[in-house]
Amino acid sequence: MSNEVARSNRIKFIALILLMLSPVVASVILHNVKFRPESTVNYGELLEVKAIRGQAHNIENNTIFRERQLHGKWSFVMIDSGDCDEYCQKKLYQMRQVRLAQNTEKDRINRIWIIDNQKIPSQELKKEFEGTALLTVDDGEFIDQFPANFSNKDHIYIIDPMGNLMMRYPRDANPSKMVNDIKLLLKLSHLEHK
């Protein structure tokens, strides 16, 4: 074999090796600089997935609410006082309407209101938002599992069917974008279990 052919083969071999290594090198570089795409499919803010631990008291049926009761369904969770000001009522309304907008899939979603001050909501409010589980907690540790920039009262949180906190919506979230997010989550989780 001539020097010219050997050199040409060596260059082709090195080019082939570099070509095969380039995706690995690119992924390591992007991972180390914490590159994240600007646009995402979801509207809600993805959180570091973590299992919800602990228990609460269900004031509707006077039972203990354990985290295993979250398993099997998606859950909207909001935290607010039992006094329930205008913004609190807006979150309850959004959770109900976003759930109803899922049509035949709505039964795959729970709505949970964690009351942070032990005050029982009015009968009118309970009736208006019937179907929302009303929970109280004895300590702040349960509530502290729900991260917030300023106050966890600002957000509506999403818990997946395995009991993991995985997403939150900002204060004054856009309901139509929430509907699209939840529709996609329900579709993807349904496909996953087929």
N, C-alpha and C. Protein backbone atom coordinates (compact mmCIF):
# COMPACT_ATOMS: atom_id res chain seq x y z
N MET A 1 0.84 -1.17 0.00
CA MET A 1 0.00 0.00 0.00
C MET A 1 0.90 1.24 0.00
N SER A 2 0.57 2.18 -0.80
CA SER A 2 1.39 3.39 -0.87
C SER A 2 1.12 4.30 0.32
N ASN A 3 2.04 5.20 0.57
CA ASN A 3 1.89 6.17 1.66
C ASN A 3 0.65 7.03 1.48
N GLU A 4 0.36 7.35 0.24
CA GLU A 4 -0.79 8.22 -0.06
C GLU A 4 -2.10 7.52 0.33
N VAL A 5 -2.26 6.26 0.00
CA VAL A 5 -3.47 5.48 0.33
C VAL A 5 -3.57 5.28 1.84
N ALA A 6 -2.45 4.96 2.49
CA ALA A 6 -2.44 4.76 3.94
C ALA A 6 -2.85 6.05 4.66
N ARG A 7 -2.32 7.16 4.20
CA ARG A 7 -2.66 8.46 4.81
C ARG A 7 -4.16 8.76 4.62
N SER A 8 -4.66 8.50 3.44
CA SER A 8 -6.08 8.73 3.14
C SER A 8 -6.97 7.86 4.03
N ASN A 9 -6.60 6.60 4.21
CA ASN A 9 -7.37 5.69 5.07
C ASN A 9 -7.34 6.14 6.53
N ARG A 10 -6.18 6.61 6.97
CA ARG A 10 -6.03 7.09 8.34
C ARG A 10 -6.94 8.31 8.58
N ILE A 11 -6.97 9.22 7.65
CA ILE A 11 -7.81 10.42 7.77
C ILE A 11 -9.29 10.02 7.80
N LYS A 12 -9.69 9.09 6.95
CA LYS A 12 -11.08 8.62 6.95
C LYS A 12 -11.43 7.95 8.28
N PHE A 13 -10.51 7.16 8.80
CA PHE A 13 -10.74 6.47 10.08
C PHE A 13 -10.89 7.49 11.21
N ILE A 14 -10.02 8.48 11.28
CA ILE A 14 -10.09 9.51 12.33
C ILE A 14 -11.38 10.32 12.18
N ALA A 15 -11.76 10.65 10.95
CA ALA A 15 -13.00 11.39 10.72
C ALA A 15 -14.21 10.57 11.18
N LEU A 16 -14.19 9.28 10.91
CA LEU A 16 -15.28 8.40 11.33
C LEU A 16 -15.38 8.33 12.86
N ILE A 17 -14.24 8.21 13.55
CA ILE A 17 -14.23 8.18 15.02
C ILE A 17 -14.77 9.50 15.58
N LEU A 18 -14.31 10.63 15.03
CA LEU A 18 -14.79 11.94 15.48
C LEU A 18 -16.29 12.09 15.26
N LEU A 19 -16.76 11.61 14.14
CA LEU A 19 -18.19 11.67 13.83
C LEU A 19 -19.01 10.88 14.85
N MET A 20 -18.52 9.70 15.22
CA MET A 20 -19.24 8.86 16.19
C MET A 20 -19.18 9.44 17.60
N LEU A 21 -18.10 10.11 17.94
CA LEU A 21 -17.96 10.68 19.28
C LEU A 21 -18.65 12.03 19.44
N SER A 22 -18.96 12.71 18.35
CA SER A 22 -19.50 14.06 18.44
C SER A 22 -20.82 14.16 19.23
N PRO A 23 -21.79 13.25 19.09
CA PRO A 23 -23.01 13.36 19.92
C PRO A 23 -22.71 13.22 21.41
N VAL A 24 -21.80 12.34 21.76
CA VAL A 24 -21.45 12.14 23.17
C VAL A 24 -20.78 13.39 23.72
N VAL A 25 -19.82 13.93 22.98
CA VAL A 25 -19.11 15.14 23.42
C VAL A 25 -20.09 16.30 23.53
N ALA A 26 -20.98 16.46 22.55
CA ALA A 26 -21.96 17.56 22.58
C ALA A 26 -22.88 17.43 23.79
N SER A 27 -23.35 16.23 24.08
CA SER A 27 -24.26 16.05 25.22
C SER A 27 -23.57 16.33 26.54
N VAL A 28 -22.31 15.92 26.68
CA VAL A 28 -21.56 16.20 27.91
C VAL A 28 -21.38 17.70 28.08
N ILE A 29 -21.03 18.39 27.01
CA ILE A 29 -20.85 19.85 27.08
C ILE A 29 -22.16 20.53 27.44
N LEU A 30 -23.26 20.19 26.78
CA LEU A 30 -24.55 20.81 27.06
C LEU A 30 -25.02 20.51 28.47
N HIS A 31 -24.76 19.31 28.95
CA HIS A 31 -25.16 18.96 30.31
C HIS A 31 -24.36 19.75 31.34
N ASN A 32 -23.07 19.88 31.12
CA ASN A 32 -22.21 20.57 32.08
C ASN A 32 -22.44 22.07 32.13
N VAL A 33 -22.91 22.66 31.04
CA VAL A 33 -23.20 24.10 31.08
C VAL A 33 -24.68 24.35 31.40
N LYS A 34 -25.39 23.30 31.79
CA LYS A 34 -26.80 23.37 32.17
C LYS A 34 -27.66 24.01 31.08
N PHE A 35 -27.40 23.64 29.84
CA PHE A 35 -28.17 24.16 28.72
C PHE A 35 -29.60 23.64 28.79
N ARG A 36 -30.54 24.54 28.70
CA ARG A 36 -31.95 24.17 28.63
C ARG A 36 -32.59 24.92 27.47
N PRO A 37 -33.38 24.27 26.66
CA PRO A 37 -34.04 24.97 25.55
C PRO A 37 -34.95 26.07 26.08
N GLU A 38 -35.04 27.15 25.32
CA GLU A 38 -35.88 28.29 25.73
C GLU A 38 -37.36 27.92 25.68
N SER A 39 -37.76 27.21 24.66
CA SER A 39 -39.17 26.88 24.54
C SER A 39 -39.40 25.44 24.97
N THR A 40 -40.49 25.24 25.66
CA THR A 40 -40.88 23.89 26.06
C THR A 40 -42.33 23.66 25.66
N VAL A 41 -42.76 22.45 25.72
CA VAL A 41 -44.12 22.12 25.35
C VAL A 41 -45.08 22.52 26.47
N ASN A 42 -44.64 22.44 27.71
CA ASN A 42 -45.52 22.67 28.84
C ASN A 42 -45.56 24.14 29.24
N TYR A 43 -46.70 24.54 29.82
CA TYR A 43 -46.88 25.89 30.34
C TYR A 43 -46.46 25.95 31.80
N GLY A 44 -46.83 24.94 32.57
CA GLY A 44 -46.47 24.90 33.98
C GLY A 44 -44.97 24.73 34.16
N GLU A 45 -44.51 25.12 35.34
CA GLU A 45 -43.08 25.00 35.65
C GLU A 45 -42.80 23.60 36.18
N LEU A 46 -41.93 22.88 35.48
CA LEU A 46 -41.55 21.54 35.93
C LEU A 46 -40.69 21.67 37.18
N LEU A 47 -40.99 20.84 38.16
CA LEU A 47 -40.24 20.83 39.41
C LEU A 47 -39.39 19.57 39.47
N GLU A 48 -38.43 19.58 40.36
CA GLU A 48 -37.69 18.35 40.61
C GLU A 48 -38.69 17.35 41.21
N VAL A 49 -38.82 16.23 40.55
CA VAL A 49 -39.83 15.25 40.97
C VAL A 49 -39.48 14.69 42.34
N LYS A 50 -40.46 14.75 43.26
CA LYS A 50 -40.25 14.16 44.58
C LYS A 50 -41.57 13.65 45.12
N ALA A 51 -41.49 12.54 45.80
CA ALA A 51 -42.69 11.92 46.38
C ALA A 51 -43.18 12.76 47.55
N ILE A 52 -44.49 12.92 47.63
CA ILE A 52 -45.09 13.63 48.76
C ILE A 52 -45.18 12.66 49.92
N ARG A 53 -44.72 13.07 51.07
CA ARG A 53 -44.70 12.24 52.27
C ARG A 53 -45.53 12.88 53.38
N GLY A 54 -46.03 12.05 54.24
CA GLY A 54 -46.76 12.54 55.40
C GLY A 54 -48.25 12.29 55.27
N GLN A 55 -48.96 12.87 56.20
CA GLN A 55 -50.41 12.69 56.20
C GLN A 55 -51.08 13.98 56.60
N ALA A 56 -52.36 14.04 56.28
CA ALA A 56 -53.18 15.21 56.59
C ALA A 56 -54.52 14.70 57.11
N HIS A 57 -55.36 15.61 57.50
CA HIS A 57 -56.68 15.26 58.02
C HIS A 57 -57.73 15.72 57.02
N ASN A 58 -58.55 14.78 56.54
CA ASN A 58 -59.63 15.11 55.62
C ASN A 58 -60.82 15.56 56.46
N ILE A 59 -61.17 16.85 56.37
CA ILE A 59 -62.22 17.38 57.24
C ILE A 59 -63.62 17.02 56.77
N GLU A 60 -63.76 16.58 55.53
CA GLU A 60 -65.08 16.21 55.01
C GLU A 60 -65.60 14.91 55.64
N ASN A 61 -64.73 13.93 55.77
CA ASN A 61 -65.17 12.65 56.32
C ASN A 61 -64.43 12.27 57.59
N ASN A 62 -63.69 13.24 58.15
CA ASN A 62 -62.98 13.06 59.42
C ASN A 62 -62.07 11.83 59.42
N THR A 63 -61.29 11.70 58.35
CA THR A 63 -60.35 10.58 58.24
C THR A 63 -58.94 11.11 58.03
N ILE A 64 -57.98 10.21 58.17
CA ILE A 64 -56.59 10.57 57.90
C ILE A 64 -56.35 10.39 56.41
N PHE A 65 -55.78 11.40 55.78
CA PHE A 65 -55.44 11.36 54.36
C PHE A 65 -53.96 11.03 54.25
N ARG A 66 -53.67 9.88 53.66
CA ARG A 66 -52.27 9.45 53.51
C ARG A 66 -51.83 9.62 52.06
N GLU A 67 -50.52 9.74 51.88
CA GLU A 67 -50.00 10.00 50.54
C GLU A 67 -50.36 8.90 49.55
N ARG A 68 -50.58 7.68 50.02
CA ARG A 68 -50.92 6.60 49.08
C ARG A 68 -52.28 6.84 48.41
N GLN A 69 -53.11 7.71 49.01
CA GLN A 69 -54.40 8.03 48.39
C GLN A 69 -54.22 8.89 47.13
N LEU A 70 -53.03 9.41 46.92
CA LEU A 70 -52.74 10.18 45.72
C LEU A 70 -52.45 9.27 44.53
N HIS A 71 -52.15 8.02 44.79
CA HIS A 71 -51.73 7.09 43.74
C HIS A 71 -52.90 6.74 42.82
N GLY A 72 -52.59 6.68 41.53
CA GLY A 72 -53.59 6.26 40.55
C GLY A 72 -54.28 7.39 39.82
N LYS A 73 -54.21 8.63 40.34
CA LYS A 73 -54.84 9.77 39.68
C LYS A 73 -53.91 10.97 39.70
N TRP A 74 -54.10 11.84 38.74
CA TRP A 74 -53.42 13.13 38.76
C TRP A 74 -54.13 13.98 39.80
N SER A 75 -53.42 14.87 40.46
CA SER A 75 -54.04 15.72 41.48
C SER A 75 -53.63 17.17 41.31
N PHE A 76 -54.64 18.05 41.35
CA PHE A 76 -54.40 19.49 41.48
C PHE A 76 -54.36 19.76 42.97
N VAL A 77 -53.37 20.50 43.43
CA VAL A 77 -53.27 20.82 44.86
C VAL A 77 -53.07 22.32 45.00
N MET A 78 -53.86 22.91 45.89
CA MET A 78 -53.64 24.31 46.25
C MET A 78 -53.56 24.42 47.76
N ILE A 79 -52.83 25.42 48.22
CA ILE A 79 -52.67 25.66 49.66
C ILE A 79 -53.21 27.05 49.93
N ASP A 80 -54.12 27.14 50.89
CA ASP A 80 -54.66 28.46 51.26
C ASP A 80 -55.39 28.34 52.59
N SER A 81 -55.79 29.49 53.10
CA SER A 81 -56.49 29.50 54.39
C SER A 81 -57.95 29.11 54.21
N GLY A 82 -58.57 28.71 55.28
CA GLY A 82 -59.99 28.37 55.25
C GLY A 82 -60.87 29.59 55.06
N ASP A 83 -60.32 30.78 55.30
CA ASP A 83 -61.08 32.02 55.08
C ASP A 83 -61.36 32.22 53.59
N CYS A 84 -60.44 31.78 52.76
CA CYS A 84 -60.54 31.76 51.30
C CYS A 84 -60.94 33.11 50.71
N ASP A 85 -59.93 33.93 50.49
CA ASP A 85 -60.16 35.24 49.87
C ASP A 85 -60.46 35.08 48.38
N GLU A 86 -60.52 36.20 47.68
CA GLU A 86 -60.87 36.18 46.26
C GLU A 86 -59.90 35.36 45.41
N TYR A 87 -58.61 35.48 45.69
CA TYR A 87 -57.63 34.71 44.91
C TYR A 87 -57.75 33.21 45.19
N CYS A 88 -58.01 32.86 46.42
CA CYS A 88 -58.23 31.45 46.79
C CYS A 88 -59.41 30.88 46.00
N GLN A 89 -60.50 31.64 45.94
CA GLN A 89 -61.68 31.19 45.20
C GLN A 89 -61.38 31.07 43.70
N LYS A 90 -60.53 31.96 43.20
CA LYS A 90 -60.14 31.90 41.79
C LYS A 90 -59.38 30.60 41.51
N LYS A 91 -58.49 30.20 42.42
CA LYS A 91 -57.75 28.94 42.23
C LYS A 91 -58.70 27.74 42.26
N LEU A 92 -59.63 27.75 43.21
CA LEU A 92 -60.62 26.66 43.28
C LEU A 92 -61.41 26.57 41.98
N TYR A 93 -61.82 27.74 41.48
CA TYR A 93 -62.57 27.80 40.23
C TYR A 93 -61.74 27.25 39.07
N GLN A 94 -60.48 27.68 38.98
CA GLN A 94 -59.60 27.21 37.90
C GLN A 94 -59.40 25.70 37.97
N MET A 95 -59.17 25.18 39.16
CA MET A 95 -58.97 23.72 39.28
C MET A 95 -60.22 22.98 38.81
N ARG A 96 -61.39 23.47 39.21
CA ARG A 96 -62.63 22.81 38.81
C ARG A 96 -62.83 22.88 37.29
N GLN A 97 -62.63 24.07 36.72
CA GLN A 97 -62.89 24.25 35.30
C GLN A 97 -61.88 23.51 34.42
N VAL A 98 -60.62 23.53 34.82
CA VAL A 98 -59.60 22.81 34.05
C VAL A 98 -59.89 21.31 34.09
N ARG A 99 -60.34 20.82 35.24
CA ARG A 99 -60.71 19.40 35.35
C ARG A 99 -61.90 19.10 34.45
N LEU A 100 -62.95 19.94 34.51
CA LEU A 100 -64.14 19.71 33.69
C LEU A 100 -63.83 19.77 32.19
N ALA A 101 -62.87 20.59 31.81
CA ALA A 101 -62.50 20.73 30.39
C ALA A 101 -61.87 19.46 29.84
N GLN A 102 -61.51 18.54 30.69
CA GLN A 102 -60.90 17.28 30.23
C GLN A 102 -61.94 16.27 29.78
N ASN A 103 -63.23 16.64 29.86
CA ASN A 103 -64.34 15.81 29.40
C ASN A 103 -64.31 14.41 29.98
N THR A 104 -64.16 13.40 29.13
CA THR A 104 -64.23 12.01 29.60
C THR A 104 -63.04 11.62 30.48
N GLU A 105 -61.98 12.40 30.43
CA GLU A 105 -60.78 12.10 31.23
C GLU A 105 -60.82 12.76 32.60
N LYS A 106 -61.85 13.55 32.89
CA LYS A 106 -61.89 14.32 34.15
C LYS A 106 -61.85 13.44 35.39
N ASP A 107 -62.32 12.22 35.31
CA ASP A 107 -62.32 11.34 36.48
C ASP A 107 -60.92 10.85 36.84
N ARG A 108 -59.94 11.16 36.02
CA ARG A 108 -58.55 10.80 36.33
C ARG A 108 -57.85 11.90 37.13
N ILE A 109 -58.61 12.92 37.56
CA ILE A 109 -58.02 14.07 38.25
C ILE A 109 -58.71 14.31 39.59
N ASN A 110 -57.90 14.43 40.65
CA ASN A 110 -58.39 14.84 41.98
C ASN A 110 -58.14 16.33 42.16
N ARG A 111 -58.94 16.97 43.00
CA ARG A 111 -58.69 18.36 43.41
C ARG A 111 -58.53 18.37 44.92
N ILE A 112 -57.45 18.99 45.38
CA ILE A 112 -57.14 18.98 46.81
C ILE A 112 -56.85 20.40 47.28
N TRP A 113 -57.49 20.79 48.37
CA TRP A 113 -57.25 22.09 49.00
C TRP A 113 -56.65 21.81 50.37
N ILE A 114 -55.39 22.19 50.54
CA ILE A 114 -54.74 22.05 51.85
C ILE A 114 -54.96 23.35 52.60
N ILE A 115 -55.68 23.26 53.68
CA ILE A 115 -56.02 24.45 54.49
C ILE A 115 -54.92 24.64 55.52
N ASP A 116 -54.28 25.80 55.46
CA ASP A 116 -53.08 26.01 56.28
C ASP A 116 -53.33 26.70 57.62
N ASN A 117 -54.60 26.98 57.96
CA ASN A 117 -54.84 27.68 59.22
C ASN A 117 -55.92 27.04 60.11
N GLN A 118 -56.29 25.82 59.82
CA GLN A 118 -57.26 25.06 60.62
C GLN A 118 -58.67 25.66 60.61
N LYS A 119 -58.92 26.70 59.84
CA LYS A 119 -60.26 27.29 59.77
C LYS A 119 -61.07 26.54 58.71
N ILE A 120 -62.25 26.12 59.11
CA ILE A 120 -63.13 25.36 58.21
C ILE A 120 -63.81 26.33 57.23
N PRO A 121 -63.76 26.04 55.93
CA PRO A 121 -64.42 26.91 54.95
C PRO A 121 -65.94 26.92 55.14
N SER A 122 -66.59 27.95 54.63
CA SER A 122 -68.04 28.08 54.75
C SER A 122 -68.74 26.96 53.98
N GLN A 123 -69.97 26.67 54.39
CA GLN A 123 -70.77 25.65 53.71
C GLN A 123 -71.02 26.02 52.25
N GLU A 124 -71.24 27.32 51.99
CA GLU A 124 -71.49 27.77 50.62
C GLU A 124 -70.29 27.46 49.72
N LEU A 125 -69.10 27.74 50.25
CA LEU A 125 -67.88 27.50 49.49
C LEU A 125 -67.68 26.00 49.26
N LYS A 126 -67.92 25.20 50.29
CA LYS A 126 -67.77 23.74 50.15
C LYS A 126 -68.75 23.20 49.11
N LYS A 127 -69.96 23.75 49.09
CA LYS A 127 -70.97 23.30 48.14
C LYS A 127 -70.61 23.72 46.72
N GLU A 128 -70.12 24.96 46.57
CA GLU A 128 -69.77 25.47 45.24
C GLU A 128 -68.65 24.66 44.60
N PHE A 129 -67.71 24.22 45.42
CA PHE A 129 -66.56 23.48 44.90
C PHE A 129 -66.57 22.03 45.39
N GLU A 130 -67.76 21.47 45.42
CA GLU A 130 -67.95 20.08 45.84
C GLU A 130 -67.06 19.15 45.02
N GLY A 131 -66.50 18.16 45.69
CA GLY A 131 -65.59 17.23 45.03
C GLY A 131 -64.14 17.55 45.30
N THR A 132 -63.88 18.72 45.87
CA THR A 132 -62.51 19.09 46.24
C THR A 132 -62.25 18.54 47.63
N ALA A 133 -61.19 17.76 47.79
CA ALA A 133 -60.83 17.23 49.11
C ALA A 133 -60.29 18.37 49.96
N LEU A 134 -60.83 18.51 51.17
CA LEU A 134 -60.40 19.57 52.09
C LEU A 134 -59.53 18.96 53.17
N LEU A 135 -58.26 19.33 53.18
CA LEU A 135 -57.30 18.74 54.11
C LEU A 135 -56.72 19.80 55.03
N THR A 136 -56.49 19.40 56.28
CA THR A 136 -55.75 20.25 57.20
C THR A 136 -54.51 19.47 57.64
N VAL A 137 -53.50 20.21 58.06
CA VAL A 137 -52.27 19.57 58.52
C VAL A 137 -51.91 20.11 59.89
N ASP A 138 -51.25 19.27 60.69
CA ASP A 138 -50.88 19.67 62.05
C ASP A 138 -49.58 20.45 62.10
N ASP A 139 -48.73 20.24 61.12
CA ASP A 139 -47.45 20.96 61.14
C ASP A 139 -47.11 21.46 59.74
N GLY A 140 -46.14 22.32 59.67
CA GLY A 140 -45.74 22.92 58.40
C GLY A 140 -44.91 22.02 57.52
N GLU A 141 -44.45 20.88 58.05
CA GLU A 141 -43.58 20.00 57.26
C GLU A 141 -44.27 19.48 56.00
N PHE A 142 -45.54 19.14 56.11
CA PHE A 142 -46.27 18.64 54.95
C PHE A 142 -46.36 19.74 53.89
N ILE A 143 -46.71 20.94 54.30
CA ILE A 143 -46.84 22.08 53.38
C ILE A 143 -45.49 22.49 52.80
N ASP A 144 -44.43 22.35 53.58
CA ASP A 144 -43.10 22.75 53.13
C ASP A 144 -42.59 21.92 51.95
N GLN A 145 -43.26 20.82 51.65
CA GLN A 145 -42.87 19.99 50.50
C GLN A 145 -43.22 20.65 49.17
N PHE A 146 -44.04 21.70 49.24
CA PHE A 146 -44.50 22.40 48.04
C PHE A 146 -43.69 23.67 47.86
N PRO A 147 -42.69 23.67 46.96
CA PRO A 147 -41.79 24.81 46.83
C PRO A 147 -42.47 26.04 46.22
N ALA A 148 -42.00 27.21 46.62
CA ALA A 148 -42.55 28.46 46.10
C ALA A 148 -41.47 29.52 46.08
N ASN A 149 -41.61 30.46 45.15
CA ASN A 149 -40.68 31.59 45.11
C ASN A 149 -40.95 32.53 46.27
N PHE A 150 -42.22 32.83 46.52
CA PHE A 150 -42.60 33.73 47.61
C PHE A 150 -43.52 33.04 48.60
N SER A 151 -44.63 32.53 48.09
CA SER A 151 -45.61 31.85 48.95
C SER A 151 -46.20 30.68 48.19
N ASN A 152 -46.37 29.54 48.88
CA ASN A 152 -46.97 28.41 48.19
C ASN A 152 -48.47 28.63 47.95
N LYS A 153 -49.02 29.70 48.50
CA LYS A 153 -50.41 30.06 48.20
C LYS A 153 -50.55 30.63 46.79
N ASP A 154 -49.42 30.98 46.18
CA ASP A 154 -49.45 31.57 44.84
C ASP A 154 -49.67 30.53 43.75
N HIS A 155 -49.52 29.28 44.04
CA HIS A 155 -49.45 28.26 42.99
C HIS A 155 -50.59 27.23 43.06
N ILE A 156 -50.82 26.62 41.91
CA ILE A 156 -51.58 25.37 41.83
C ILE A 156 -50.53 24.32 41.45
N TYR A 157 -50.46 23.26 42.23
CA TYR A 157 -49.44 22.22 42.04
C TYR A 157 -50.07 21.00 41.37
N ILE A 158 -49.23 20.24 40.69
CA ILE A 158 -49.67 18.99 40.05
C ILE A 158 -48.89 17.83 40.66
N ILE A 159 -49.63 16.81 41.08
CA ILE A 159 -49.03 15.57 41.58
C ILE A 159 -49.40 14.47 40.61
N ASP A 160 -48.41 13.69 40.20
CA ASP A 160 -48.66 12.64 39.21
C ASP A 160 -49.32 11.41 39.85
N PRO A 161 -49.77 10.45 39.05
CA PRO A 161 -50.47 9.27 39.59
C PRO A 161 -49.63 8.37 40.50
N MET A 162 -48.33 8.62 40.59
CA MET A 162 -47.49 7.84 41.49
C MET A 162 -47.24 8.58 42.80
N GLY A 163 -47.90 9.74 42.98
CA GLY A 163 -47.76 10.50 44.21
C GLY A 163 -46.57 11.43 44.24
N ASN A 164 -46.04 11.78 43.07
CA ASN A 164 -44.88 12.67 42.99
C ASN A 164 -45.28 14.09 42.61
N LEU A 165 -44.82 15.04 43.36
CA LEU A 165 -45.00 16.45 43.00
C LEU A 165 -44.11 16.70 41.79
N MET A 166 -44.69 17.26 40.70
CA MET A 166 -43.87 17.38 39.49
C MET A 166 -44.02 18.70 38.74
N MET A 167 -45.03 19.50 39.07
CA MET A 167 -45.24 20.74 38.32
C MET A 167 -46.01 21.73 39.18
N ARG A 168 -45.85 23.02 38.85
CA ARG A 168 -46.66 24.05 39.49
C ARG A 168 -46.99 25.12 38.46
N TYR A 169 -48.11 25.77 38.69
CA TYR A 169 -48.54 26.87 37.84
C TYR A 169 -48.35 28.18 38.59
N PRO A 170 -48.02 29.25 37.86
CA PRO A 170 -47.75 30.53 38.51
C PRO A 170 -49.03 31.19 39.01
N ARG A 171 -48.85 32.22 39.79
CA ARG A 171 -49.98 33.04 40.25
C ARG A 171 -50.69 33.57 39.00
N ASP A 172 -52.00 33.59 39.05
CA ASP A 172 -52.83 34.06 37.93
C ASP A 172 -52.51 33.32 36.64
N ALA A 173 -52.44 32.01 36.73
CA ALA A 173 -52.14 31.17 35.57
C ALA A 173 -53.23 31.29 34.51
N ASN A 174 -52.83 31.09 33.27
CA ASN A 174 -53.74 31.12 32.15
C ASN A 174 -54.48 29.77 32.08
N PRO A 175 -55.80 29.77 32.33
CA PRO A 175 -56.54 28.50 32.37
C PRO A 175 -56.50 27.70 31.06
N SER A 176 -56.54 28.39 29.92
CA SER A 176 -56.54 27.64 28.65
C SER A 176 -55.20 26.93 28.43
N LYS A 177 -54.11 27.55 28.87
CA LYS A 177 -52.81 26.88 28.77
C LYS A 177 -52.72 25.72 29.76
N MET A 178 -53.36 25.88 30.93
CA MET A 178 -53.41 24.77 31.89
C MET A 178 -54.17 23.59 31.30
N VAL A 179 -55.30 23.88 30.65
CA VAL A 179 -56.11 22.83 30.02
C VAL A 179 -55.26 22.04 29.04
N ASN A 180 -54.49 22.74 28.20
CA ASN A 180 -53.65 22.06 27.21
C ASN A 180 -52.57 21.22 27.87
N ASP A 181 -51.95 21.75 28.94
CA ASP A 181 -50.94 20.99 29.67
C ASP A 181 -51.52 19.68 30.21
N ILE A 182 -52.65 19.80 30.88
CA ILE A 182 -53.26 18.63 31.53
C ILE A 182 -53.72 17.63 30.47
N LYS A 183 -54.27 18.13 29.38
CA LYS A 183 -54.69 17.25 28.29
C LYS A 183 -53.51 16.41 27.81
N LEU A 184 -52.36 17.07 27.63
CA LEU A 184 -51.16 16.37 27.17
C LEU A 184 -50.67 15.37 28.22
N LEU A 185 -50.66 15.77 29.49
CA LEU A 185 -50.24 14.84 30.55
C LEU A 185 -51.13 13.61 30.60
N LEU A 186 -52.44 13.82 30.51
CA LEU A 186 -53.38 12.70 30.54
C LEU A 186 -53.18 11.79 29.32
N LYS A 187 -52.96 12.39 28.17
CA LYS A 187 -52.75 11.60 26.95
C LYS A 187 -51.47 10.77 27.06
N LEU A 188 -50.39 11.42 27.47
CA LEU A 188 -49.11 10.71 27.56
C LEU A 188 -49.13 9.63 28.63
N SER A 189 -49.76 9.91 29.76
CA SER A 189 -49.79 8.89 30.82
C SER A 189 -50.72 7.74 30.43
N HIS A 190 -51.74 8.03 29.64
CA HIS A 190 -52.64 6.98 29.17
C HIS A 190 -51.90 6.07 28.18
N LEU A 191 -51.12 6.67 27.28
CA LEU A 191 -50.35 5.88 26.32
C LEU A 191 -49.30 5.03 27.01
N GLU A 192 -48.73 5.58 28.08
CA GLU A 192 -47.67 4.88 28.81
C GLU A 192 -48.17 3.58 29.43
N HIS A 193 -49.46 3.54 29.77
CA HIS A 193 -50.00 2.37 30.47
C HIS A 193 -50.74 1.42 29.54
N LYS A 194 -50.66 1.65 28.25
CA LYS A 194 -51.33 0.74 27.30
C LYS A 194 -50.46 -0.45 27.01
